[in-house]
């Protein structure tokens, strides 16, 4: 689904290397269709930059990204740290916005919007404005909007970092349910080791800047996951191993 071929990214340093910042050193990776890949690493290691390159929002300095769905008009949906909802539009109108810009007929888009509202658990809030929503509800709306064009790939850049712990855990369960129901390929950037292990089928660990892939962990945990998963020895062992690696990298 996603092939990362020797991707590297540098910022600044125009006219020379002075002031140049190496965000990503060359590395390669394959993301298979239907995988849920969590990406963790110290702040500034290029995690968000990698997502933006995959989405086409940044141009790599070298290397390339190959999407298995590159022939599609919109192969990627993006959920940012901030929900970035249009404040003058209702929940339904925000979710419909990508469909309107794509010229989808209203009769068809209405059905799709309602399906997505039901999928993310926002039934009853279709006509609410963003200012009337909690942080978690805003992110649910943002996820629904990212799915409106039915992209096979969903990129998520710390989407739950601004919500409280209880809401975050609820949204983790909701996201896991959405992934299992839709079969999307998901890449999630997070600073939470527990979140990465709980949601992912694999965890990519990035090194401190200049960012590069340090190690990839396969997550051998059954699905669907829940509170029993978090109490299991396999989950606790994985979290412990990830934490140990993160501590060693930041010493």
Protein backbone atom coordinates (compact mmCIF):
# COMPACT_ATOMS: atom_id res chain seq x y z
CA UNK A 1 0.00 0.00 0.00
CA UNK A 2 2.79 2.46 0.93
CA UNK A 3 6.42 2.09 -0.09
CA UNK A 4 8.91 4.47 1.51
CA UNK A 5 12.07 4.48 -0.60
CA UNK A 6 15.12 6.13 0.96
CA UNK A 7 13.13 9.18 2.06
CA UNK A 8 15.15 12.11 3.42
CA UNK A 9 14.21 15.69 4.28
CA UNK A 10 16.24 18.81 5.02
CA UNK A 11 14.92 22.26 5.91
CA UNK A 12 16.61 25.63 5.53
CA UNK A 13 20.20 26.10 4.51
CA UNK A 14 19.39 27.97 1.30
CA UNK A 15 22.53 28.78 -0.62
CA UNK A 16 24.61 26.51 1.58
CA UNK A 17 24.51 24.23 4.59
CA UNK A 18 24.51 26.97 7.22
CA UNK A 19 21.26 26.83 9.14
CA UNK A 20 20.28 23.54 7.53
CA UNK A 21 18.16 21.18 9.63
CA UNK A 22 18.14 17.48 8.79
CA UNK A 23 14.65 16.29 9.71
CA UNK A 24 14.90 12.81 8.19
CA UNK A 25 17.89 10.74 7.17
CA UNK A 26 17.32 8.24 4.35
CA UNK A 27 15.35 5.15 5.29
CA UNK A 28 12.97 2.72 3.63
CA UNK A 29 9.88 0.87 4.83
CA UNK A 30 6.89 -1.04 3.45
CA UNK A 31 3.37 -0.56 4.82
CA UNK A 32 1.00 -3.33 3.81
CA UNK A 33 -2.63 -2.82 2.90
CA UNK A 34 -4.91 -2.83 5.94
CA UNK A 35 -2.12 -2.40 8.49
CA UNK A 36 -2.37 -0.07 11.48
CA UNK A 37 1.14 1.31 11.97
CA UNK A 38 1.94 3.45 15.00
CA UNK A 39 4.93 5.80 14.80
CA UNK A 40 6.69 6.94 17.97
CA UNK A 41 9.92 8.77 18.72
CA UNK A 42 11.32 11.80 20.55
CA UNK A 43 10.01 15.27 19.71
CA UNK A 44 11.55 16.68 16.54
CA UNK A 45 12.50 13.29 15.06
CA UNK A 46 10.52 13.84 11.85
CA UNK A 47 7.38 11.80 12.57
CA UNK A 48 4.98 14.52 11.42
CA UNK A 49 7.25 15.41 8.52
CA UNK A 50 7.06 11.82 7.32
CA UNK A 51 3.26 11.89 7.36
CA UNK A 52 3.21 15.20 5.49
CA UNK A 53 5.52 13.76 2.82
CA UNK A 54 3.27 10.71 2.41
CA UNK A 55 0.27 13.05 2.11
CA UNK A 56 2.01 15.19 -0.51
CA UNK A 57 2.06 18.25 1.77
CA UNK A 58 5.89 18.26 1.87
CA UNK A 59 8.41 17.40 -0.83
CA UNK A 60 11.24 15.08 0.20
CA UNK A 61 14.82 16.22 -0.35
CA UNK A 62 15.55 12.78 -1.76
CA UNK A 63 13.82 9.45 -2.13
CA UNK A 64 10.18 8.89 -2.96
CA UNK A 65 6.84 7.60 -1.69
CA UNK A 66 4.95 5.07 -3.81
CA UNK A 67 1.26 4.59 -3.02
CA UNK A 68 -0.41 1.43 -4.24
CA UNK A 69 -3.47 3.57 -4.92
CA UNK A 70 -1.69 6.40 -6.70
CA UNK A 71 -4.22 6.25 -9.52
CA UNK A 72 -7.01 7.37 -7.22
CA UNK A 73 -7.90 11.04 -6.97
CA UNK A 74 -7.64 11.23 -3.18
CA UNK A 75 -5.80 8.18 -1.84
CA UNK A 76 -5.03 9.79 1.55
CA UNK A 77 -7.13 11.23 4.36
CA UNK A 78 -5.38 13.34 7.02
CA UNK A 79 -6.40 13.96 10.65
CA UNK A 80 -4.36 16.72 12.30
CA UNK A 81 -3.59 17.34 15.97
CA UNK A 82 -6.16 20.13 15.88
CA UNK A 83 -9.53 19.14 14.42
CA UNK A 84 -9.44 22.21 12.10
CA UNK A 85 -13.20 22.24 11.59
CA UNK A 86 -14.80 25.18 9.78
CA UNK A 87 -16.43 27.09 12.68
CA UNK A 88 -19.39 28.40 10.67
CA UNK A 89 -20.37 24.95 9.39
CA UNK A 90 -22.28 22.27 11.28
CA UNK A 91 -20.91 18.80 11.93
CA UNK A 92 -22.74 17.45 8.88
CA UNK A 93 -21.57 20.35 6.70
CA UNK A 94 -17.93 19.91 7.81
CA UNK A 95 -18.06 16.20 6.97
CA UNK A 96 -19.77 16.93 3.63
CA UNK A 97 -17.22 19.60 2.64
CA UNK A 98 -14.77 17.25 0.82
CA UNK A 99 -17.70 15.69 -1.06
CA UNK A 100 -18.99 19.12 -2.11
CA UNK A 101 -15.56 20.13 -3.42
CA UNK A 102 -15.42 16.85 -5.36
CA UNK A 103 -18.80 17.54 -6.98
CA UNK A 104 -20.61 14.60 -5.39
CA UNK A 105 -24.39 15.01 -5.82
CA UNK A 106 -26.21 16.04 -2.64
CA UNK A 107 -28.48 12.97 -2.73
CA UNK A 108 -25.44 10.73 -2.57
CA UNK A 109 -23.42 12.86 -0.15
CA UNK A 110 -26.31 13.04 2.34
CA UNK A 111 -26.32 9.26 2.66
CA UNK A 112 -22.55 9.14 3.00
CA UNK A 113 -22.48 11.87 5.64
CA UNK A 114 -25.09 10.10 7.75
CA UNK A 115 -23.19 6.82 7.48
CA UNK A 116 -20.03 8.54 8.73
CA UNK A 117 -21.86 10.32 11.55
CA UNK A 118 -23.17 6.96 12.72
CA UNK A 119 -19.73 5.37 12.30
CA UNK A 120 -17.96 7.88 14.57
CA UNK A 121 -20.78 8.06 17.13
CA UNK A 122 -22.02 11.61 16.48
CA UNK A 123 -25.68 10.81 15.80
CA UNK A 124 -27.79 13.61 17.23
CA UNK A 125 -25.09 16.24 16.71
CA UNK A 126 -25.44 16.62 12.95
CA UNK A 127 -26.56 20.26 13.23
CA UNK A 128 -24.19 21.30 16.02
CA UNK A 129 -21.45 23.87 15.39
CA UNK A 130 -17.84 23.09 16.43
CA UNK A 131 -18.04 25.52 19.37
CA UNK A 132 -20.83 23.36 20.80
CA UNK A 133 -18.70 20.20 20.77
CA UNK A 134 -16.19 18.77 23.22
CA UNK A 135 -12.61 18.18 22.10
CA UNK A 136 -13.26 14.49 21.60
CA UNK A 137 -16.37 15.14 19.53
CA UNK A 138 -14.47 17.57 17.33
CA UNK A 139 -11.88 14.89 16.62
CA UNK A 140 -14.62 12.39 15.80
CA UNK A 141 -15.96 14.89 13.27
CA UNK A 142 -12.45 15.38 11.87
CA UNK A 143 -12.02 11.62 11.45
CA UNK A 144 -15.39 11.40 9.67
CA UNK A 145 -14.40 14.25 7.35
CA UNK A 146 -11.09 12.54 6.53
CA UNK A 147 -13.03 9.40 5.61
CA UNK A 148 -15.62 11.23 3.48
CA UNK A 149 -13.84 10.57 0.18
CA UNK A 150 -13.32 6.94 1.22
CA UNK A 151 -9.51 7.08 1.02
CA UNK A 152 -7.77 3.73 1.45
CA UNK A 153 -5.08 5.42 3.59
CA UNK A 154 -5.70 7.43 6.77
CA UNK A 155 -2.85 9.49 8.25
CA UNK A 156 -3.24 10.71 11.83
CA UNK A 157 -0.86 13.20 13.46
CA UNK A 158 -1.31 13.04 17.25
CA UNK A 159 -5.09 13.43 16.92
CA UNK A 160 -5.87 12.76 20.60
CA UNK A 161 -3.05 14.64 22.34
CA UNK A 162 -5.27 17.56 23.44
CA UNK A 163 -8.03 15.54 25.12
CA UNK A 164 -8.18 14.16 28.66
CA UNK A 165 -7.05 10.61 29.42
CA UNK A 166 -10.52 9.08 29.73
CA UNK A 167 -11.66 10.64 26.44
CA UNK A 168 -8.43 9.53 24.80
CA UNK A 169 -8.96 5.92 25.85
CA UNK A 170 -12.53 6.04 24.54
CA UNK A 171 -11.35 7.48 21.23
CA UNK A 172 -8.67 4.79 21.01
CA UNK A 173 -11.37 2.13 21.23
CA UNK A 174 -13.51 3.97 18.68
CA UNK A 175 -10.58 4.29 16.27
CA UNK A 176 -9.79 0.59 16.63
CA UNK A 177 -13.42 -0.23 15.86
CA UNK A 178 -13.44 2.07 12.82
CA UNK A 179 -10.22 0.49 11.52
CA UNK A 180 -11.62 -3.03 11.85
CA UNK A 181 -14.89 -2.04 10.19
CA UNK A 182 -13.41 -0.09 7.26
CA UNK A 183 -10.17 -1.99 6.61
CA UNK A 184 -8.26 1.26 6.05
CA UNK A 185 -4.48 1.42 6.12
CA UNK A 186 -3.73 3.73 9.07
CA UNK A 187 -0.53 5.49 10.12
CA UNK A 188 -0.73 7.10 13.56
CA UNK A 189 1.89 9.44 15.00
CA UNK A 190 1.74 9.51 18.79
CA UNK A 191 3.89 10.30 21.82
CA UNK A 192 2.05 7.70 23.89
CA UNK A 193 3.83 4.35 24.01
CA UNK A 194 0.68 2.70 25.40
CA UNK A 195 -1.48 4.13 22.61
CA UNK A 196 1.01 2.99 19.97
CA UNK A 197 1.08 -0.57 21.31
CA UNK A 198 -2.68 -0.78 21.93
CA UNK A 199 -3.73 0.35 18.46
CA UNK A 200 -0.97 -0.80 16.15
CA UNK A 201 -0.31 -4.00 14.28
CA UNK A 202 3.24 -2.65 14.07
CA UNK A 203 5.13 0.10 15.86
CA UNK A 204 7.84 2.11 14.06
CA UNK A 205 10.34 3.70 16.46
CA UNK A 206 12.14 6.79 15.13
CA UNK A 207 15.50 7.98 16.47
CA UNK A 208 16.20 11.53 17.74
CA UNK A 209 16.94 14.13 15.09
CA UNK A 210 18.13 13.55 12.50
CA UNK A 211 15.20 11.16 12.32
CA UNK A 212 15.64 7.67 10.98
CA UNK A 213 13.92 4.36 11.53
CA UNK A 214 15.47 2.76 14.59
CA UNK A 215 13.39 -0.40 14.82
CA UNK A 216 10.01 -1.85 13.88
CA UNK A 217 8.07 -3.98 16.35
CA UNK A 218 5.37 -6.44 15.31
CA UNK A 219 2.43 -6.30 17.72
CA UNK A 220 1.21 -9.82 18.38
CA UNK A 221 -2.01 -9.00 20.22
CA UNK A 222 -5.44 -10.36 19.31
CA UNK A 223 -8.24 -8.13 18.03
CA UNK A 224 -10.63 -6.70 19.02
CA UNK A 225 -8.68 -5.21 21.92
CA UNK A 226 -9.95 -3.90 25.23
CA UNK A 227 -9.11 -3.60 28.92
CA UNK A 228 -8.02 -7.23 29.07
CA UNK A 229 -5.45 -6.44 26.39
CA UNK A 230 -3.91 -3.73 28.56
CA UNK A 231 -3.58 -6.16 31.46
CA UNK A 232 -2.03 -8.93 29.38
CA UNK A 233 1.61 -9.91 29.81
CA UNK A 234 2.27 -9.51 26.08
CA UNK A 235 1.02 -5.90 26.10
CA UNK A 236 2.94 -4.97 29.25
CA UNK A 237 6.13 -6.57 27.90
CA UNK A 238 5.83 -4.65 24.62
CA UNK A 239 5.18 -1.35 26.39
CA UNK A 240 8.18 -2.00 28.64
CA UNK A 241 10.43 -2.73 25.65
CA UNK A 242 9.27 0.40 23.82
CA UNK A 243 9.78 2.55 26.91
CA UNK A 244 13.28 1.14 27.42
CA UNK A 245 14.24 1.96 23.83
CA UNK A 246 12.83 5.49 24.13
CA UNK A 247 14.78 6.10 27.36
CA UNK A 248 18.01 4.82 25.85
CA UNK A 249 17.62 7.12 22.84
CA UNK A 250 17.06 10.26 24.91
CA UNK A 251 19.92 9.84 27.39
